[in-house]
Amino acid sequence: MDPKANKEAPVPPKTKARTKALKAKKEVLKDAHSHKKKKIHTSPNFQCPDTLRLWKESEHPQEEHPRRSKLTALPSQAPLTTEVAVMEFKDNSLLVSIVAVKASEHRIKQAEKKLYDIDMAKVNILSDPMKEAPDNKIGSV
């Protein structure tokens, strides 16, 4: 037998390149998808993945301004003029007034000094729970 007869017919270079490219393509596709596993869904409800949620810019931005004090007026509304209050004022120089509920001792002192030009030694705040109106009584010496 002739050794030349056993050899195959020569393949043109274009076909050789094409087969090589197809083989490479197969390998790349096989490699890219070979690591993927099928996800096992254990819940019947779909859980949306967390995404970045940015705050919206306000269409009408509010102007910044300082907050006003809720006690703009003097906290002292009126002096109490009952018989007991007048007796306390005469005997112990104790002044009794009705003031706002949210007034602090410091603001009450300032208000009394402004109204009556007196220096107060002490401020006692007594709230009356039985009264319907939200007022407090104070005593000052």
C-alpha atoms as a PDB file:
ATOM      1  CA  MET A   1       0.000   0.000   0.000  1.00  0.00           C
ATOM      2  CA  ASP A   2       0.957   3.429  -0.730  1.00  0.00           C
ATOM      3  CA  PRO A   3       1.576   5.676   2.354  1.00  0.00           C
ATOM      4  CA  LYS A   4       0.228   8.684   0.463  1.00  0.00           C
ATOM      5  CA  ALA A   5      -3.151   6.999  -0.077  1.00  0.00           C
ATOM      6  CA  ASN A   6      -3.832   6.684   3.698  1.00  0.00           C
ATOM      7  CA  LYS A   7      -3.439  10.408   4.293  1.00  0.00           C
ATOM      8  CA  GLU A   8      -6.507  12.544   4.162  1.00  0.00           C
ATOM      9  CA  ALA A   9      -7.058  15.222   1.615  1.00  0.00           C
ATOM     10  CA  PRO A  10      -5.467  18.543   2.568  1.00  0.00           C
ATOM     11  CA  VAL A  11      -7.857  20.955   4.359  1.00  0.00           C
ATOM     12  CA  PRO A  12      -7.899  24.531   3.101  1.00  0.00           C
ATOM     13  CA  PRO A  13      -6.566  27.085   5.671  1.00  0.00           C
ATOM     14  CA  LYS A  14      -9.899  28.987   5.844  1.00  0.00           C
ATOM     15  CA  THR A  15     -11.778  25.919   7.072  1.00  0.00           C
ATOM     16  CA  LYS A  16      -9.009  25.133   9.539  1.00  0.00           C
ATOM     17  CA  ALA A  17      -9.252  28.611  11.066  1.00  0.00           C
ATOM     18  CA  ARG A  18     -13.024  28.383  11.202  1.00  0.00           C
ATOM     19  CA  THR A  19     -13.041  25.071  13.057  1.00  0.00           C
ATOM     20  CA  LYS A  20     -10.442  26.402  15.463  1.00  0.00           C
ATOM     21  CA  ALA A  21     -12.569  29.490  16.155  1.00  0.00           C
ATOM     22  CA  LEU A  22     -15.733  27.425  16.705  1.00  0.00           C
ATOM     23  CA  LYS A  23     -13.863  25.155  19.089  1.00  0.00           C
ATOM     24  CA  ALA A  24     -12.579  28.152  21.065  1.00  0.00           C
ATOM     25  CA  LYS A  25     -16.092  29.648  21.157  1.00  0.00           C
ATOM     26  CA  LYS A  26     -17.478  26.396  22.558  1.00  0.00           C
ATOM     27  CA  GLU A  27     -14.808  26.312  25.251  1.00  0.00           C
ATOM     28  CA  VAL A  28     -15.454  29.950  26.275  1.00  0.00           C
ATOM     29  CA  LEU A  29     -19.211  29.479  26.477  1.00  0.00           C
ATOM     30  CA  LYS A  30     -18.821  26.240  28.386  1.00  0.00           C
ATOM     31  CA  ASP A  31     -16.417  27.885  30.850  1.00  0.00           C
ATOM     32  CA  ALA A  32     -18.591  30.994  31.382  1.00  0.00           C
ATOM     33  CA  HIS A  33     -21.685  29.001  32.288  1.00  0.00           C
ATOM     34  CA  SER A  34     -20.037  26.099  34.046  1.00  0.00           C
ATOM     35  CA  HIS A  35     -19.942  27.773  37.510  1.00  0.00           C
ATOM     36  CA  LYS A  36     -23.600  28.753  37.631  1.00  0.00           C
ATOM     37  CA  LYS A  37     -25.860  26.768  39.922  1.00  0.00           C
ATOM     38  CA  LYS A  38     -29.597  26.820  39.983  1.00  0.00           C
ATOM     39  CA  LYS A  39     -30.911  28.916  42.895  1.00  0.00           C
ATOM     40  CA  ILE A  40     -33.158  27.045  45.259  1.00  0.00           C
ATOM     41  CA  HIS A  41     -36.175  29.135  46.225  1.00  0.00           C
ATOM     42  CA  THR A  42     -37.449  28.090  49.645  1.00  0.00           C
ATOM     43  CA  SER A  43     -40.184  30.711  50.014  1.00  0.00           C
ATOM     44  CA  PRO A  44     -43.294  31.073  47.865  1.00  0.00           C
ATOM     45  CA  ASN A  45     -43.134  34.885  48.179  1.00  0.00           C
ATOM     46  CA  PHE A  46     -40.750  36.892  46.037  1.00  0.00           C
ATOM     47  CA  GLN A  47     -38.256  38.989  48.009  1.00  0.00           C
ATOM     48  CA  CYS A  48     -37.082  42.025  46.077  1.00  0.00           C
ATOM     49  CA  PRO A  49     -33.322  42.571  46.410  1.00  0.00           C
ATOM     50  CA  ASP A  50     -32.173  45.632  48.360  1.00  0.00           C
ATOM     51  CA  THR A  51     -31.325  48.513  46.079  1.00  0.00           C
ATOM     52  CA  LEU A  52     -30.014  52.010  46.701  1.00  0.00           C
ATOM     53  CA  ARG A  53     -32.884  54.324  47.567  1.00  0.00           C
ATOM     54  CA  LEU A  54     -31.933  57.981  47.416  1.00  0.00           C
ATOM     55  CA  TRP A  55     -33.957  60.783  49.019  1.00  0.00           C
ATOM     56  CA  LYS A  56     -35.845  62.994  46.612  1.00  0.00           C
ATOM     57  CA  GLU A  57     -35.001  66.672  46.450  1.00  0.00           C
ATOM     58  CA  SER A  58     -37.869  68.775  47.710  1.00  0.00           C
ATOM     59  CA  GLU A  59     -39.690  70.726  45.037  1.00  0.00           C
ATOM     60  CA  HIS A  60     -40.540  73.476  47.508  1.00  0.00           C
ATOM     61  CA  PRO A  61     -37.734  73.711  50.081  1.00  0.00           C
ATOM     62  CA  GLN A  62     -38.852  75.354  53.287  1.00  0.00           C
ATOM     63  CA  GLU A  63     -37.026  78.431  54.474  1.00  0.00           C
ATOM     64  CA  GLU A  64     -34.971  77.938  57.585  1.00  0.00           C
ATOM     65  CA  HIS A  65     -36.032  80.181  60.411  1.00  0.00           C
ATOM     66  CA  PRO A  66     -35.476  80.000  64.168  1.00  0.00           C
ATOM     67  CA  ARG A  67     -38.256  78.430  66.157  1.00  0.00           C
ATOM     68  CA  ARG A  68     -40.234  80.867  68.201  1.00  0.00           C
ATOM     69  CA  SER A  69     -40.624  80.354  71.907  1.00  0.00           C
ATOM     70  CA  LYS A  70     -43.989  78.979  72.940  1.00  0.00           C
ATOM     71  CA  LEU A  71     -43.912  81.276  75.977  1.00  0.00           C
ATOM     72  CA  THR A  72     -43.493  84.586  74.173  1.00  0.00           C
ATOM     73  CA  ALA A  73     -45.637  86.484  76.650  1.00  0.00           C
ATOM     74  CA  LEU A  74     -44.924  86.669  80.347  1.00  0.00           C
ATOM     75  CA  PRO A  75     -45.770  83.407  82.098  1.00  0.00           C
ATOM     76  CA  SER A  76     -47.509  85.200  84.976  1.00  0.00           C
ATOM     77  CA  GLN A  77     -51.161  85.716  84.082  1.00  0.00           C
ATOM     78  CA  ALA A  78     -52.542  87.345  87.228  1.00  0.00           C
ATOM     79  CA  PRO A  79     -51.941  87.532  90.980  1.00  0.00           C
ATOM     80  CA  LEU A  80     -54.299  85.424  93.038  1.00  0.00           C
ATOM     81  CA  THR A  81     -56.545  87.657  95.219  1.00  0.00           C
ATOM     82  CA  THR A  82     -58.321  85.227  97.503  1.00  0.00           C
ATOM     83  CA  GLU A  83     -58.486  85.862 101.259  1.00  0.00           C
ATOM     84  CA  VAL A  84     -55.857  83.233 101.983  1.00  0.00           C
ATOM     85  CA  ALA A  85     -53.496  84.635  99.356  1.00  0.00           C
ATOM     86  CA  VAL A  86     -53.826  88.193 100.715  1.00  0.00           C
ATOM     87  CA  MET A  87     -53.205  86.953 104.293  1.00  0.00           C
ATOM     88  CA  GLU A  88     -50.084  85.104 103.129  1.00  0.00           C
ATOM     89  CA  PHE A  89     -48.820  88.263 101.462  1.00  0.00           C
ATOM     90  CA  LYS A  90     -49.350  90.348 104.619  1.00  0.00           C
ATOM     91  CA  ASP A  91     -47.967  87.834 107.122  1.00  0.00           C
ATOM     92  CA  ASN A  92     -45.162  86.066 105.278  1.00  0.00           C
ATOM     93  CA  SER A  93     -44.675  88.423 102.292  1.00  0.00           C
ATOM     94  CA  LEU A  94     -45.620  85.508 100.054  1.00  0.00           C
ATOM     95  CA  LEU A  95     -46.935  86.459  96.597  1.00  0.00           C
ATOM     96  CA  VAL A  96     -49.285  83.978  94.911  1.00  0.00           C
ATOM     97  CA  SER A  97     -49.877  84.166  91.151  1.00  0.00           C
ATOM     98  CA  ILE A  98     -51.493  82.075  88.444  1.00  0.00           C
ATOM     99  CA  VAL A  99     -49.000  81.189  85.714  1.00  0.00           C
ATOM    100  CA  ALA A 100     -48.790  79.145  82.530  1.00  0.00           C
ATOM    101  CA  VAL A 101     -48.261  75.393  82.901  1.00  0.00           C
ATOM    102  CA  LYS A 102     -45.100  75.255  80.786  1.00  0.00           C
ATOM    103  CA  ALA A 103     -43.409  78.151  82.588  1.00  0.00           C
ATOM    104  CA  SER A 104     -40.157  77.304  84.369  1.00  0.00           C
ATOM    105  CA  GLU A 105     -39.059  78.713  87.720  1.00  0.00           C
ATOM    106  CA  HIS A 106     -36.404  80.839  86.040  1.00  0.00           C
ATOM    107  CA  ARG A 107     -38.916  82.429  83.650  1.00  0.00           C
ATOM    108  CA  ILE A 108     -41.360  83.025  86.493  1.00  0.00           C
ATOM    109  CA  LYS A 109     -38.637  84.841  88.455  1.00  0.00           C
ATOM    110  CA  GLN A 110     -37.825  87.024  85.453  1.00  0.00           C
ATOM    111  CA  ALA A 111     -41.500  87.875  84.869  1.00  0.00           C
ATOM    112  CA  GLU A 112     -42.161  88.802  88.526  1.00  0.00           C
ATOM    113  CA  LYS A 113     -39.045  90.971  88.590  1.00  0.00           C
ATOM    114  CA  LYS A 114     -40.175  92.760  85.426  1.00  0.00           C
ATOM    115  CA  LEU A 115     -43.745  93.284  86.664  1.00  0.00           C
ATOM    116  CA  TYR A 116     -43.199  94.166  90.334  1.00  0.00           C
ATOM    117  CA  ASP A 117     -39.462  95.122  90.531  1.00  0.00           C
ATOM    118  CA  ILE A 118     -38.790  92.638  93.339  1.00  0.00           C
ATOM    119  CA  ASP A 119     -36.044  90.058  93.869  1.00  0.00           C
ATOM    120  CA  MET A 120     -37.517  86.683  94.693  1.00  0.00           C
ATOM    121  CA  ALA A 121     -35.732  84.328  97.057  1.00  0.00           C
ATOM    122  CA  LYS A 122     -37.633  81.197  96.136  1.00  0.00           C
ATOM    123  CA  VAL A 123     -40.303  79.989  93.696  1.00  0.00           C
ATOM    124  CA  ASN A 124     -42.695  77.201  94.645  1.00  0.00           C
ATOM    125  CA  ILE A 125     -44.832  75.739  91.860  1.00  0.00           C
ATOM    126  CA  LEU A 126     -48.058  74.032  92.861  1.00  0.00           C
ATOM    127  CA  SER A 127     -50.157  72.445  90.129  1.00  0.00           C
ATOM    128  CA  ASP A 128     -53.830  71.853  90.777  1.00  0.00           C
ATOM    129  CA  PRO A 129     -54.985  68.601  89.135  1.00  0.00           C
ATOM    130  CA  MET A 130     -58.664  69.189  90.008  1.00  0.00           C
ATOM    131  CA  LYS A 131     -58.780  72.420  88.045  1.00  0.00           C
ATOM    132  CA  GLU A 132     -59.949  72.178  84.436  1.00  0.00           C
ATOM    133  CA  ALA A 133     -57.924  75.127  83.173  1.00  0.00           C
ATOM    134  CA  PRO A 134     -54.217  74.381  82.687  1.00  0.00           C
ATOM    135  CA  ASP A 135     -52.883  76.902  85.244  1.00  0.00           C
ATOM    136  CA  ASN A 136     -50.417  76.688  88.091  1.00  0.00           C
ATOM    137  CA  LYS A 137     -50.146  78.637  91.299  1.00  0.00           C
ATOM    138  CA  ILE A 138     -46.806  79.966  92.408  1.00  0.00           C
ATOM    139  CA  GLY A 139     -45.605  81.321  95.696  1.00  0.00           C
ATOM    140  CA  SER A 140     -42.710  83.722  95.933  1.00  0.00           C
ATOM    141  CA  VAL A 141     -40.941  85.340  98.858  1.00  0.00           C
END
